[in-house]
PDB file of N, CA and C in Angstrom:
ATOM      1  N   UNK A   1     137.964 -18.464 112.250  1.00  0.00           N
ATOM      2  CA  UNK A   1     137.524 -19.533 111.379  1.00  0.00           C
ATOM      3  C   UNK A   1     135.998 -19.447 111.212  1.00  0.00           C
ATOM      4  N   UNK A   2     135.680 -19.427 109.912  1.00  0.00           N
ATOM      5  CA  UNK A   2     134.197 -19.370 109.685  1.00  0.00           C
ATOM      6  C   UNK A   2     133.615 -20.876 109.570  1.00  0.00           C
ATOM      7  N   UNK A   3     132.588 -21.202 110.392  1.00  0.00           N
ATOM      8  CA  UNK A   3     132.096 -22.555 110.301  1.00  0.00           C
ATOM      9  C   UNK A   3     130.812 -22.550 109.488  1.00  0.00           C
ATOM     10  N   UNK A   4     130.572 -23.621 108.730  1.00  0.00           N
ATOM     11  CA  UNK A   4     129.339 -23.661 107.919  1.00  0.00           C
ATOM     12  C   UNK A   4     128.138 -23.881 108.797  1.00  0.00           C
ATOM     13  N   UNK A   5     126.980 -23.385 108.334  1.00  0.00           N
ATOM     14  CA  UNK A   5     125.723 -23.643 108.972  1.00  0.00           C
ATOM     15  C   UNK A   5     125.181 -25.069 108.831  1.00  0.00           C
ATOM     16  N   UNK A   6     125.483 -25.651 107.745  1.00  0.00           N
ATOM     17  CA  UNK A   6     125.155 -26.936 107.432  1.00  0.00           C
ATOM     18  C   UNK A   6     126.176 -27.738 106.667  1.00  0.00           C
ATOM     19  N   UNK A   7     126.132 -29.062 106.792  1.00  0.00           N
ATOM     20  CA  UNK A   7     126.999 -29.929 106.120  1.00  0.00           C
ATOM     21  C   UNK A   7     126.194 -30.950 105.457  1.00  0.00           C
ATOM     22  N   UNK A   8     126.454 -31.308 104.048  1.00  0.00           N
ATOM     23  CA  UNK A   8     125.805 -32.281 103.467  1.00  0.00           C
ATOM     24  C   UNK A   8     126.913 -33.443 103.289  1.00  0.00           C
ATOM     25  N   UNK A   9     126.565 -34.525 103.946  1.00  0.00           N
ATOM     26  CA  UNK A   9     127.592 -35.608 103.890  1.00  0.00           C
ATOM     27  C   UNK A   9     127.144 -36.690 102.829  1.00  0.00           C
ATOM     28  N   UNK A  10     127.915 -36.863 101.918  1.00  0.00           N
ATOM     29  CA  UNK A  10     127.649 -37.766 100.747  1.00  0.00           C
ATOM     30  C   UNK A  10     128.519 -39.059 100.975  1.00  0.00           C
ATOM     31  N   UNK A  11     127.969 -40.182 101.051  1.00  0.00           N
ATOM     32  CA  UNK A  11     128.611 -41.463 101.048  1.00  0.00           C
ATOM     33  C   UNK A  11     129.246 -41.749  99.640  1.00  0.00           C
ATOM     34  N   UNK A  12     130.487 -42.028  99.540  1.00  0.00           N
ATOM     35  CA  UNK A  12     131.127 -42.361  98.263  1.00  0.00           C
ATOM     36  C   UNK A  12     131.816 -43.773  98.473  1.00  0.00           C
ATOM     37  N   UNK A  13     131.318 -44.476  99.426  1.00  0.00           N
ATOM     38  CA  UNK A  13     132.009 -45.876  99.549  1.00  0.00           C
ATOM     39  C   UNK A  13     131.749 -46.718  98.320  1.00  0.00           C
ATOM     40  N   UNK A  14     132.802 -47.473  98.181  1.00  0.00           N
ATOM     41  CA  UNK A  14     132.734 -48.421  96.992  1.00  0.00           C
ATOM     42  C   UNK A  14     133.280 -49.716  97.373  1.00  0.00           C
ATOM     43  N   UNK A  15     132.295 -50.666  97.106  1.00  0.00           N
ATOM     44  CA  UNK A  15     132.553 -52.057  97.361  1.00  0.00           C
ATOM     45  C   UNK A  15     132.896 -52.864  96.050  1.00  0.00           C
ATOM     46  N   UNK A  16     133.342 -54.009  96.232  1.00  0.00           N
ATOM     47  CA  UNK A  16     133.633 -54.945  95.177  1.00  0.00           C
ATOM     48  C   UNK A  16     132.188 -55.273  94.510  1.00  0.00           C
ATOM     49  N   UNK A  17     132.035 -55.379  93.200  1.00  0.00           N
ATOM     50  CA  UNK A  17     130.735 -55.748  92.653  1.00  0.00           C
ATOM     51  C   UNK A  17     130.228 -57.092  93.229  1.00  0.00           C
ATOM     52  N   UNK A  18     131.099 -57.993  93.646  1.00  0.00           N
ATOM     53  CA  UNK A  18     130.719 -59.250  94.137  1.00  0.00           C
ATOM     54  C   UNK A  18     130.248 -59.227  95.608  1.00  0.00           C
ATOM     55  N   UNK A  19     130.453 -58.055  96.351  1.00  0.00           N
ATOM     56  CA  UNK A  19     129.972 -57.959  97.690  1.00  0.00           C
ATOM     57  C   UNK A  19     128.530 -58.167  97.890  1.00  0.00           C
ATOM     58  N   UNK A  20     128.157 -58.651  99.024  1.00  0.00           N
ATOM     59  CA  UNK A  20     126.841 -58.879  99.274  1.00  0.00           C
ATOM     60  C   UNK A  20     125.931 -57.674  99.469  1.00  0.00           C
ATOM     61  N   UNK A  21     126.427 -56.539  99.522  1.00  0.00           N
ATOM     62  CA  UNK A  21     125.761 -55.378  99.821  1.00  0.00           C
ATOM     63  C   UNK A  21     126.078 -54.272  98.643  1.00  0.00           C
ATOM     64  N   UNK A  22     125.212 -53.389  98.269  1.00  0.00           N
ATOM     65  CA  UNK A  22     125.495 -52.436  97.291  1.00  0.00           C
ATOM     66  C   UNK A  22     126.368 -51.402  97.823  1.00  0.00           C
ATOM     67  N   UNK A  23     126.943 -50.583  97.007  1.00  0.00           N
ATOM     68  CA  UNK A  23     127.657 -49.358  97.545  1.00  0.00           C
ATOM     69  C   UNK A  23     127.232 -48.102  96.875  1.00  0.00           C
ATOM     70  N   UNK A  24     127.330 -47.016  97.672  1.00  0.00           N
ATOM     71  CA  UNK A  24     126.848 -45.767  97.181  1.00  0.00           C
ATOM     72  C   UNK A  24     127.401 -45.283  95.952  1.00  0.00           C
ATOM     73  N   UNK A  25     128.827 -45.429  95.856  1.00  0.00           N
ATOM     74  CA  UNK A  25     129.563 -45.090  94.613  1.00  0.00           C
ATOM     75  C   UNK A  25     128.956 -45.751  93.425  1.00  0.00           C
ATOM     76  N   UNK A  26     128.575 -47.005  93.621  1.00  0.00           N
ATOM     77  CA  UNK A  26     127.999 -47.757  92.422  1.00  0.00           C
ATOM     78  C   UNK A  26     126.697 -47.278  92.070  1.00  0.00           C
ATOM     79  N   UNK A  27     126.005 -46.569  92.968  1.00  0.00           N
ATOM     80  CA  UNK A  27     124.714 -46.026  92.683  1.00  0.00           C
ATOM     81  C   UNK A  27     124.721 -44.575  92.297  1.00  0.00           C
ATOM     82  N   UNK A  28     125.973 -44.035  91.923  1.00  0.00           N
ATOM     83  CA  UNK A  28     126.130 -42.687  91.373  1.00  0.00           C
ATOM     84  C   UNK A  28     126.276 -41.471  92.443  1.00  0.00           C
ATOM     85  N   UNK A  29     126.875 -41.926  93.674  1.00  0.00           N
ATOM     86  CA  UNK A  29     127.081 -40.891  94.608  1.00  0.00           C
ATOM     87  C   UNK A  29     128.160 -39.887  94.359  1.00  0.00           C
ATOM     88  N   UNK A  30     129.094 -40.189  93.578  1.00  0.00           N
ATOM     89  CA  UNK A  30     130.160 -39.234  93.187  1.00  0.00           C
ATOM     90  C   UNK A  30     129.542 -38.140  92.380  1.00  0.00           C
ATOM     91  N   UNK A  31     128.752 -38.511  91.400  1.00  0.00           N
ATOM     92  CA  UNK A  31     128.014 -37.464  90.579  1.00  0.00           C
ATOM     93  C   UNK A  31     127.088 -36.653  91.362  1.00  0.00           C
ATOM     94  N   UNK A  32     126.422 -37.484  92.347  1.00  0.00           N
ATOM     95  CA  UNK A  32     125.580 -36.601  93.213  1.00  0.00           C
ATOM     96  C   UNK A  32     126.288 -35.523  93.974  1.00  0.00           C
ATOM     97  N   UNK A  33     127.422 -35.977  94.599  1.00  0.00           N
ATOM     98  CA  UNK A  33     128.220 -34.974  95.376  1.00  0.00           C
ATOM     99  C   UNK A  33     128.614 -33.761  94.448  1.00  0.00           C
ATOM    100  N   UNK A  34     129.072 -33.984  93.214  1.00  0.00           N
ATOM    101  CA  UNK A  34     129.382 -32.907  92.176  1.00  0.00           C
ATOM    102  C   UNK A  34     128.330 -32.068  92.079  1.00  0.00           C
ATOM    103  N   UNK A  35     127.119 -32.659  91.785  1.00  0.00           N
ATOM    104  CA  UNK A  35     125.882 -31.786  91.465  1.00  0.00           C
ATOM    105  C   UNK A  35     125.489 -30.997  92.714  1.00  0.00           C
ATOM    106  N   UNK A  36     125.646 -31.527  93.898  1.00  0.00           N
ATOM    107  CA  UNK A  36     125.319 -30.810  95.097  1.00  0.00           C
ATOM    108  C   UNK A  36     126.186 -29.518  95.202  1.00  0.00           C
ATOM    109  N   UNK A  37     127.554 -29.825  94.980  1.00  0.00           N
ATOM    110  CA  UNK A  37     128.389 -28.821  95.132  1.00  0.00           C
ATOM    111  C   UNK A  37     128.142 -27.649  94.249  1.00  0.00           C
ATOM    112  N   UNK A  38     127.955 -28.019  92.981  1.00  0.00           N
ATOM    113  CA  UNK A  38     127.537 -26.985  91.885  1.00  0.00           C
ATOM    114  C   UNK A  38     126.309 -26.356  92.221  1.00  0.00           C
ATOM    115  N   UNK A  39     125.221 -27.000  92.808  1.00  0.00           N
ATOM    116  CA  UNK A  39     123.934 -26.307  93.123  1.00  0.00           C
ATOM    117  C   UNK A  39     124.142 -25.469  94.338  1.00  0.00           C
ATOM    118  N   UNK A  40     124.931 -25.900  95.349  1.00  0.00           N
ATOM    119  CA  UNK A  40     125.252 -25.001  96.381  1.00  0.00           C
ATOM    120  C   UNK A  40     125.863 -23.541  96.109  1.00  0.00           C
ATOM    121  N   UNK A  41     126.912 -23.827  95.196  1.00  0.00           N
ATOM    122  CA  UNK A  41     127.517 -22.690  94.707  1.00  0.00           C
ATOM    123  C   UNK A  41     126.564 -21.683  93.948  1.00  0.00           C
ATOM    124  N   UNK A  42     125.858 -22.301  93.106  1.00  0.00           N
ATOM    125  CA  UNK A  42     124.760 -21.509  92.276  1.00  0.00           C
ATOM    126  C   UNK A  42     123.847 -20.822  93.097  1.00  0.00           C
ATOM    127  N   UNK A  43     123.403 -21.385  94.252  1.00  0.00           N
ATOM    128  CA  UNK A  43     122.423 -20.775  95.061  1.00  0.00           C
ATOM    129  C   UNK A  43     122.999 -19.838  96.030  1.00  0.00           C
ATOM    130  N   UNK A  44     124.388 -19.546  95.930  1.00  0.00           N
ATOM    131  CA  UNK A  44     124.942 -18.618  96.789  1.00  0.00           C
ATOM    132  C   UNK A  44     125.142 -18.975  98.067  1.00  0.00           C
ATOM    133  N   UNK A  45     125.221 -20.313  98.369  1.00  0.00           N
ATOM    134  CA  UNK A  45     125.375 -20.888  99.739  1.00  0.00           C
ATOM    135  C   UNK A  45     126.818 -21.379 100.085  1.00  0.00           C
ATOM    136  N   UNK A  46     127.807 -21.160  99.112  1.00  0.00           N
ATOM    137  CA  UNK A  46     129.109 -21.493  99.261  1.00  0.00           C
ATOM    138  C   UNK A  46     129.580 -20.737 100.579  1.00  0.00           C
ATOM    139  N   UNK A  47     130.309 -21.549 101.431  1.00  0.00           N
ATOM    140  CA  UNK A  47     130.724 -21.094 102.693  1.00  0.00           C
ATOM    141  C   UNK A  47     129.717 -21.290 103.908  1.00  0.00           C
ATOM    142  N   UNK A  48     128.446 -21.212 103.505  1.00  0.00           N
ATOM    143  CA  UNK A  48     127.396 -21.481 104.471  1.00  0.00           C
ATOM    144  C   UNK A  48     127.098 -22.915 104.541  1.00  0.00           C
ATOM    145  N   UNK A  49     127.167 -23.535 103.490  1.00  0.00           N
ATOM    146  CA  UNK A  49     126.934 -25.049 103.487  1.00  0.00           C
ATOM    147  C   UNK A  49     128.074 -25.724 102.678  1.00  0.00           C
ATOM    148  N   UNK A  50     128.609 -26.812 103.364  1.00  0.00           N
ATOM    149  CA  UNK A  50     129.722 -27.705 102.852  1.00  0.00           C
ATOM    150  C   UNK A  50     129.120 -28.973 102.391  1.00  0.00           C
ATOM    151  N   UNK A  51     129.621 -29.239 101.238  1.00  0.00           N
ATOM    152  CA  UNK A  51     129.164 -30.730 100.733  1.00  0.00           C
ATOM    153  C   UNK A  51     130.559 -31.651 100.978  1.00  0.00           C
ATOM    154  N   UNK A  52     130.501 -32.590 101.689  1.00  0.00           N
ATOM    155  CA  UNK A  52     131.634 -33.442 102.033  1.00  0.00           C
ATOM    156  C   UNK A  52     131.442 -34.912 101.595  1.00  0.00           C
ATOM    157  N   UNK A  53     132.576 -35.517 101.181  1.00  0.00           N
ATOM    158  CA  UNK A  53     132.624 -36.868 100.994  1.00  0.00           C
ATOM    159  C   UNK A  53     132.897 -37.698 102.195  1.00  0.00           C
ATOM    160  N   UNK A  54     132.121 -38.753 102.507  1.00  0.00           N
ATOM    161  CA  UNK A  54     132.278 -39.572 103.605  1.00  0.00           C
ATOM    162  C   UNK A  54     132.447 -41.071 103.150  1.00  0.00           C
ATOM    163  N   UNK A  55     132.928 -41.869 104.049  1.00  0.00           N
ATOM    164  CA  UNK A  55     132.975 -43.360 103.738  1.00  0.00           C
ATOM    165  C   UNK A  55     131.667 -43.890 104.117  1.00  0.00           C
ATOM    166  N   UNK A  56     131.622 -45.233 104.344  1.00  0.00           N
ATOM    167  CA  UNK A  56     130.287 -45.891 104.544  1.00  0.00           C
ATOM    168  C   UNK A  56     129.599 -45.277 105.750  1.00  0.00           C
ATOM    169  N   UNK A  57     128.281 -45.074 105.367  1.00  0.00           N
ATOM    170  CA  UNK A  57     127.345 -44.613 106.531  1.00  0.00           C
ATOM    171  C   UNK A  57     126.443 -45.737 107.082  1.00  0.00           C
ATOM    172  N   UNK A  58     126.801 -46.898 106.601  1.00  0.00           N
ATOM    173  CA  UNK A  58     126.124 -48.137 106.923  1.00  0.00           C
ATOM    174  C   UNK A  58     124.513 -48.180 106.660  1.00  0.00           C
ATOM    175  N   UNK A  59     124.232 -47.592 105.504  1.00  0.00           N
ATOM    176  CA  UNK A  59     122.885 -47.529 105.020  1.00  0.00           C
ATOM    177  C   UNK A  59     122.998 -48.109 103.469  1.00  0.00           C
ATOM    178  N   UNK A  60     123.779 -49.014 103.289  1.00  0.00           N
ATOM    179  CA  UNK A  60     124.013 -49.533 101.855  1.00  0.00           C
ATOM    180  C   UNK A  60     122.799 -50.029 101.120  1.00  0.00           C
ATOM    181  N   UNK A  61     121.913 -50.508 101.774  1.00  0.00           N
ATOM    182  CA  UNK A  61     120.664 -50.981 101.025  1.00  0.00           C
ATOM    183  C   UNK A  61     119.830 -49.737 100.651  1.00  0.00           C
ATOM    184  N   UNK A  62     120.208 -48.551 100.974  1.00  0.00           N
ATOM    185  CA  UNK A  62     119.481 -47.393 100.587  1.00  0.00           C
ATOM    186  C   UNK A  62     120.266 -46.549  99.646  1.00  0.00           C
ATOM    187  N   UNK A  63     121.249 -47.021  99.021  1.00  0.00           N
ATOM    188  CA  UNK A  63     122.273 -46.251  98.302  1.00  0.00           C
ATOM    189  C   UNK A  63     121.468 -45.380  97.111  1.00  0.00           C
ATOM    190  N   UNK A  64     122.100 -44.264  96.708  1.00  0.00           N
ATOM    191  CA  UNK A  64     123.089 -43.455  97.329  1.00  0.00           C
ATOM    192  C   UNK A  64     122.513 -42.658  98.419  1.00  0.00           C
ATOM    193  N   UNK A  65     123.274 -42.564  99.529  1.00  0.00           N
ATOM    194  CA  UNK A  65     122.768 -41.954 100.748  1.00  0.00           C
ATOM    195  C   UNK A  65     123.520 -40.613 101.037  1.00  0.00           C
ATOM    196  N   UNK A  66     122.872 -39.616 101.471  1.00  0.00           N
ATOM    197  CA  UNK A  66     123.432 -38.300 101.926  1.00  0.00           C
ATOM    198  C   UNK A  66     122.703 -37.874 103.069  1.00  0.00           C
ATOM    199  N   UNK A  67     123.331 -37.128 103.986  1.00  0.00           N
ATOM    200  CA  UNK A  67     122.588 -36.577 105.265  1.00  0.00           C
ATOM    201  C   UNK A  67     123.045 -35.198 105.348  1.00  0.00           C
ATOM    202  N   UNK A  68     122.165 -34.424 105.826  1.00  0.00           N
ATOM    203  CA  UNK A  68     122.180 -32.864 106.062  1.00  0.00           C
ATOM    204  C   UNK A  68     122.409 -32.713 107.603  1.00  0.00           C
ATOM    205  N   UNK A  69     123.476 -32.168 107.988  1.00  0.00           N
ATOM    206  CA  UNK A  69     123.557 -31.770 109.446  1.00  0.00           C
ATOM    207  C   UNK A  69     123.811 -30.334 109.711  1.00  0.00           C
ATOM    208  N   UNK A  70     123.331 -29.753 110.664  1.00  0.00           N
ATOM    209  CA  UNK A  70     122.817 -30.386 111.948  1.00  0.00           C
ATOM    210  C   UNK A  70     121.367 -30.863 111.870  1.00  0.00           C
ATOM    211  N   UNK A  71     120.712 -30.705 110.748  1.00  0.00           N
ATOM    212  CA  UNK A  71     119.369 -31.185 110.617  1.00  0.00           C
ATOM    213  C   UNK A  71     119.058 -32.538 110.882  1.00  0.00           C
ATOM    214  N   UNK A  72     120.089 -33.438 110.818  1.00  0.00           N
ATOM    215  CA  UNK A  72     119.793 -34.815 110.981  1.00  0.00           C
ATOM    216  C   UNK A  72     118.748 -35.471 110.025  1.00  0.00           C
ATOM    217  N   UNK A  73     118.810 -34.970 108.782  1.00  0.00           N
ATOM    218  CA  UNK A  73     117.926 -35.478 107.715  1.00  0.00           C
ATOM    219  C   UNK A  73     118.799 -36.285 106.788  1.00  0.00           C
ATOM    220  N   UNK A  74     118.264 -37.591 106.637  1.00  0.00           N
ATOM    221  CA  UNK A  74     119.003 -38.600 105.810  1.00  0.00           C
ATOM    222  C   UNK A  74     118.181 -38.754 104.484  1.00  0.00           C
ATOM    223  N   UNK A  75     118.788 -38.723 103.379  1.00  0.00           N
ATOM    224  CA  UNK A  75     118.163 -39.033 102.122  1.00  0.00           C
ATOM    225  C   UNK A  75     118.745 -40.344 101.462  1.00  0.00           C
ATOM    226  N   UNK A  76     117.861 -41.150 101.012  1.00  0.00           N
ATOM    227  CA  UNK A  76     118.252 -42.429 100.377  1.00  0.00           C
ATOM    228  C   UNK A  76     117.860 -42.519  98.974  1.00  0.00           C
ATOM    229  N   UNK A  77     118.468 -43.474  98.243  1.00  0.00           N
ATOM    230  CA  UNK A  77     118.109 -43.676  96.723  1.00  0.00           C
ATOM    231  C   UNK A  77     118.161 -42.312  96.082  1.00  0.00           C
ATOM    232  N   UNK A  78     119.175 -41.547  96.374  1.00  0.00           N
ATOM    233  CA  UNK A  78     119.309 -40.163  95.903  1.00  0.00           C
ATOM    234  C   UNK A  78     120.034 -40.138  94.637  1.00  0.00           C
ATOM    235  N   UNK A  79     119.689 -39.383  93.613  1.00  0.00           N
ATOM    236  CA  UNK A  79     120.261 -39.372  92.358  1.00  0.00           C
ATOM    237  C   UNK A  79     120.775 -37.896  92.089  1.00  0.00           C
ATOM    238  N   UNK A  80     121.714 -37.783  91.095  1.00  0.00           N
ATOM    239  CA  UNK A  80     122.279 -36.402  90.807  1.00  0.00           C
ATOM    240  C   UNK A  80     121.211 -35.454  90.439  1.00  0.00           C
ATOM    241  N   UNK A  81     120.090 -35.927  89.731  1.00  0.00           N
ATOM    242  CA  UNK A  81     119.040 -35.099  89.396  1.00  0.00           C
ATOM    243  C   UNK A  81     118.268 -34.553  90.507  1.00  0.00           C
ATOM    244  N   UNK A  82     118.448 -35.107  91.727  1.00  0.00           N
ATOM    245  CA  UNK A  82     117.750 -34.606  93.010  1.00  0.00           C
ATOM    246  C   UNK A  82     118.557 -33.462  93.640  1.00  0.00           C
ATOM    247  N   UNK A  83     119.802 -33.144  93.202  1.00  0.00           N
ATOM    248  CA  UNK A  83     120.528 -32.212  93.874  1.00  0.00           C
ATOM    249  C   UNK A  83     119.843 -30.815  93.883  1.00  0.00           C
ATOM    250  N   UNK A  84     119.336 -30.346  92.733  1.00  0.00           N
ATOM    251  CA  UNK A  84     118.727 -29.072  92.833  1.00  0.00           C
ATOM    252  C   UNK A  84     117.526 -28.870  93.705  1.00  0.00           C
ATOM    253  N   UNK A  85     116.701 -29.954  93.815  1.00  0.00           N
ATOM    254  CA  UNK A  85     115.597 -29.907  94.652  1.00  0.00           C
ATOM    255  C   UNK A  85     115.976 -29.942  96.168  1.00  0.00           C
ATOM    256  N   UNK A  86     117.007 -30.701  96.525  1.00  0.00           N
ATOM    257  CA  UNK A  86     117.550 -30.778  97.911  1.00  0.00           C
ATOM    258  C   UNK A  86     118.029 -29.307  98.211  1.00  0.00           C
ATOM    259  N   UNK A  87     118.780 -28.708  97.328  1.00  0.00           N
ATOM    260  CA  UNK A  87     119.284 -27.225  97.684  1.00  0.00           C
ATOM    261  C   UNK A  87     118.188 -26.299  97.748  1.00  0.00           C
ATOM    262  N   UNK A  88     117.312 -26.342  96.713  1.00  0.00           N
ATOM    263  CA  UNK A  88     116.215 -25.397  96.667  1.00  0.00           C
ATOM    264  C   UNK A  88     115.142 -25.561  97.885  1.00  0.00           C
ATOM    265  N   UNK A  89     114.759 -26.844  98.029  1.00  0.00           N
ATOM    266  CA  UNK A  89     113.658 -26.969  99.065  1.00  0.00           C
ATOM    267  C   UNK A  89     114.250 -27.131 100.445  1.00  0.00           C
ATOM    268  N   UNK A  90     115.293 -27.803 100.546  1.00  0.00           N
ATOM    269  CA  UNK A  90     115.765 -28.077 102.024  1.00  0.00           C
ATOM    270  C   UNK A  90     116.760 -26.965 102.402  1.00  0.00           C
ATOM    271  N   UNK A  91     117.916 -26.818 101.657  1.00  0.00           N
ATOM    272  CA  UNK A  91     118.913 -25.863 102.101  1.00  0.00           C
ATOM    273  C   UNK A  91     118.409 -24.402 102.002  1.00  0.00           C
ATOM    274  N   UNK A  92     117.675 -24.034 101.080  1.00  0.00           N
ATOM    275  CA  UNK A  92     117.155 -22.680 100.993  1.00  0.00           C
ATOM    276  C   UNK A  92     115.858 -22.493 101.695  1.00  0.00           C
ATOM    277  N   UNK A  93     114.907 -23.520 101.496  1.00  0.00           N
ATOM    278  CA  UNK A  93     113.589 -23.397 101.960  1.00  0.00           C
ATOM    279  C   UNK A  93     113.231 -24.047 103.372  1.00  0.00           C
ATOM    280  N   UNK A  94     114.271 -24.704 103.917  1.00  0.00           N
ATOM    281  CA  UNK A  94     114.204 -25.359 105.268  1.00  0.00           C
ATOM    282  C   UNK A  94     113.084 -26.326 105.272  1.00  0.00           C
ATOM    283  N   UNK A  95     112.773 -27.042 104.142  1.00  0.00           N
ATOM    284  CA  UNK A  95     111.726 -28.154 104.083  1.00  0.00           C
ATOM    285  C   UNK A  95     112.461 -29.306 103.553  1.00  0.00           C
ATOM    286  N   UNK A  96     112.627 -30.435 104.276  1.00  0.00           N
ATOM    287  CA  UNK A  96     113.209 -31.631 103.720  1.00  0.00           C
ATOM    288  C   UNK A  96     112.445 -32.121 102.494  1.00  0.00           C
ATOM    289  N   UNK A  97     113.052 -32.831 101.636  1.00  0.00           N
ATOM    290  CA  UNK A  97     112.483 -33.340 100.345  1.00  0.00           C
ATOM    291  C   UNK A  97     111.830 -34.668 100.803  1.00  0.00           C
ATOM    292  N   UNK A  98     110.522 -34.703 101.119  1.00  0.00           N
ATOM    293  CA  UNK A  98     109.841 -35.827 101.735  1.00  0.00           C
ATOM    294  C   UNK A  98     110.097 -37.137 100.943  1.00  0.00           C
ATOM    295  N   UNK A  99     109.929 -37.085  99.666  1.00  0.00           N
ATOM    296  CA  UNK A  99     110.134 -38.332  98.732  1.00  0.00           C
ATOM    297  C   UNK A  99     111.396 -39.088  98.845  1.00  0.00           C
ATOM    298  N   UNK A 100     112.467 -38.431  99.455  1.00  0.00           N
ATOM    299  CA  UNK A 100     113.826 -38.930  99.425  1.00  0.00           C
ATOM    300  C   UNK A 100     114.139 -39.377 100.892  1.00  0.00           C
ATOM    301  N   UNK A 101     113.282 -39.118 101.840  1.00  0.00           N
ATOM    302  CA  UNK A 101     113.473 -39.564 103.277  1.00  0.00           C
ATOM    303  C   UNK A 101     113.452 -41.060 103.436  1.00  0.00           C
TER     304      UNK A 101
END
């Protein structure tokens, strides 16, 4: 079995709109996940990097949230338009995207 070097965990939790906390899916995390997957594939990282859906990461006030492991880097208020930058700067260049930390 080949294991990935990194995993990008994207919260896709969805709460009822009347809930007291926001939810990542309501902030576009599903589209973010799709864009990250496409960017990983385009960068030739498929197999080395896995983009995974996860449930609540308990950082709802910072939605949409994603985390890169094993780097233990957490991104908040992330949008689909940030996917290319995360892949290029962090996953290829080993430098976290500071403005999203």
